[in-house]
Amino acid sequence: MSTLDDLQSGQDNRGEALGDESGSSISGLVSTLAVCAPIAGAYLVIFLILRRSQRRFYAPRTYLGSLRE
């Protein structure tokens, strides 16, 4: 019943909740990227190393010049 009383009295806190939520979502995004970016970088480095040492596995099966038109 207090919600009905708040609406009738004009006390609405929706704007305050939106302000708090946007700050926490930006910090959540930054903290997620701070964890995921080094992991993605490590996978990229591993791929680049393995691509050179495992040429047969990472080589293309065909080349554009060898395909029939």
C-alpha atoms as a PDB file:
ATOM      1  CA  MET A   1       0.000   0.000   0.000  1.00  0.00           C
ATOM      2  CA  SER A   2       2.972   2.297   0.497  1.00  0.00           C
ATOM      3  CA  THR A   3       3.597   2.278  -3.254  1.00  0.00           C
ATOM      4  CA  LEU A   4       0.141   3.697  -3.875  1.00  0.00           C
ATOM      5  CA  ASP A   5       0.752   6.370  -1.228  1.00  0.00           C
ATOM      6  CA  ASP A   6       4.095   7.286  -2.845  1.00  0.00           C
ATOM      7  CA  LEU A   7       2.483   7.652  -6.263  1.00  0.00           C
ATOM      8  CA  GLN A   8      -0.306   9.807  -4.908  1.00  0.00           C
ATOM      9  CA  SER A   9       2.088  12.056  -2.991  1.00  0.00           C
ATOM     10  CA  GLY A  10       4.320  12.523  -6.042  1.00  0.00           C
ATOM     11  CA  GLN A  11       7.366  10.846  -4.528  1.00  0.00           C
ATOM     12  CA  ASP A  12       8.835   8.812  -7.328  1.00  0.00           C
ATOM     13  CA  ASN A  13      12.358   7.471  -7.233  1.00  0.00           C
ATOM     14  CA  ARG A  14      12.636   6.028 -10.742  1.00  0.00           C
ATOM     15  CA  GLY A  15      15.233   8.607 -11.821  1.00  0.00           C
ATOM     16  CA  GLU A  16      17.526   7.771  -8.925  1.00  0.00           C
ATOM     17  CA  ALA A  17      17.420   4.072  -9.705  1.00  0.00           C
ATOM     18  CA  LEU A  18      18.340   4.685 -13.330  1.00  0.00           C
ATOM     19  CA  GLY A  19      21.364   6.746 -12.345  1.00  0.00           C
ATOM     20  CA  ASP A  20      22.704   4.027 -10.061  1.00  0.00           C
ATOM     21  CA  GLU A  21      22.089   1.284 -12.595  1.00  0.00           C
ATOM     22  CA  SER A  22      24.002   2.912 -15.453  1.00  0.00           C
ATOM     23  CA  GLY A  23      27.088   3.380 -13.273  1.00  0.00           C
ATOM     24  CA  SER A  24      27.098  -0.235 -12.212  1.00  0.00           C
ATOM     25  CA  SER A  25      26.614  -1.506 -15.762  1.00  0.00           C
ATOM     26  CA  ILE A  26      29.568   0.520 -17.033  1.00  0.00           C
ATOM     27  CA  SER A  27      31.774  -0.778 -14.245  1.00  0.00           C
ATOM     28  CA  GLY A  28      30.499  -4.293 -14.922  1.00  0.00           C
ATOM     29  CA  LEU A  29      31.352  -3.936 -18.593  1.00  0.00           C
ATOM     30  CA  VAL A  30      34.841  -2.652 -17.835  1.00  0.00           C
ATOM     31  CA  SER A  31      35.524  -5.407 -15.314  1.00  0.00           C
ATOM     32  CA  THR A  32      34.308  -8.053 -17.759  1.00  0.00           C
ATOM     33  CA  LEU A  33      36.502  -6.685 -20.535  1.00  0.00           C
ATOM     34  CA  ALA A  34      39.464  -6.497 -18.149  1.00  0.00           C
ATOM     35  CA  VAL A  35      39.171 -10.247 -17.601  1.00  0.00           C
ATOM     36  CA  CYS A  36      38.235 -11.315 -21.143  1.00  0.00           C
ATOM     37  CA  ALA A  37      40.748  -9.194 -23.091  1.00  0.00           C
ATOM     38  CA  PRO A  38      43.891 -10.891 -21.678  1.00  0.00           C
ATOM     39  CA  ILE A  39      42.349 -14.317 -22.202  1.00  0.00           C
ATOM     40  CA  ALA A  40      41.497 -13.474 -25.820  1.00  0.00           C
ATOM     41  CA  GLY A  41      45.014 -12.095 -26.292  1.00  0.00           C
ATOM     42  CA  ALA A  42      46.527 -15.306 -24.924  1.00  0.00           C
ATOM     43  CA  TYR A  43      44.440 -17.409 -27.319  1.00  0.00           C
ATOM     44  CA  LEU A  44      45.510 -15.200 -30.222  1.00  0.00           C
ATOM     45  CA  VAL A  45      49.190 -15.557 -29.329  1.00  0.00           C
ATOM     46  CA  ILE A  46      48.824 -19.343 -28.997  1.00  0.00           C
ATOM     47  CA  PHE A  47      47.101 -19.483 -32.386  1.00  0.00           C
ATOM     48  CA  LEU A  48      49.826 -17.415 -34.042  1.00  0.00           C
ATOM     49  CA  ILE A  49      52.538 -19.658 -32.594  1.00  0.00           C
ATOM     50  CA  LEU A  50      50.759 -22.884 -33.538  1.00  0.00           C
ATOM     51  CA  ARG A  51      49.951 -21.605 -37.018  1.00  0.00           C
ATOM     52  CA  ARG A  52      53.662 -21.387 -37.820  1.00  0.00           C
ATOM     53  CA  SER A  53      54.682 -24.678 -36.222  1.00  0.00           C
ATOM     54  CA  GLN A  54      51.657 -26.691 -37.431  1.00  0.00           C
ATOM     55  CA  ARG A  55      51.483 -25.515 -41.039  1.00  0.00           C
ATOM     56  CA  ARG A  56      49.801 -28.677 -42.297  1.00  0.00           C
ATOM     57  CA  PHE A  57      46.955 -28.366 -39.818  1.00  0.00           C
ATOM     58  CA  TYR A  58      46.340 -24.640 -40.368  1.00  0.00           C
ATOM     59  CA  ALA A  59      47.043 -24.516 -44.124  1.00  0.00           C
ATOM     60  CA  PRO A  60      44.106 -23.914 -46.449  1.00  0.00           C
ATOM     61  CA  ARG A  61      42.885 -27.009 -48.284  1.00  0.00           C
ATOM     62  CA  THR A  62      42.620 -25.246 -51.619  1.00  0.00           C
ATOM     63  CA  TYR A  63      43.785 -21.996 -53.102  1.00  0.00           C
ATOM     64  CA  LEU A  64      41.667 -19.670 -55.206  1.00  0.00           C
ATOM     65  CA  GLY A  65      43.937 -20.252 -58.219  1.00  0.00           C
ATOM     66  CA  SER A  66      43.331 -24.013 -58.165  1.00  0.00           C
ATOM     67  CA  LEU A  67      39.527 -23.837 -58.092  1.00  0.00           C
ATOM     68  CA  ARG A  68      37.670 -24.331 -61.366  1.00  0.00           C
ATOM     69  CA  GLU A  69      35.333 -21.600 -62.446  1.00  0.00           C
END
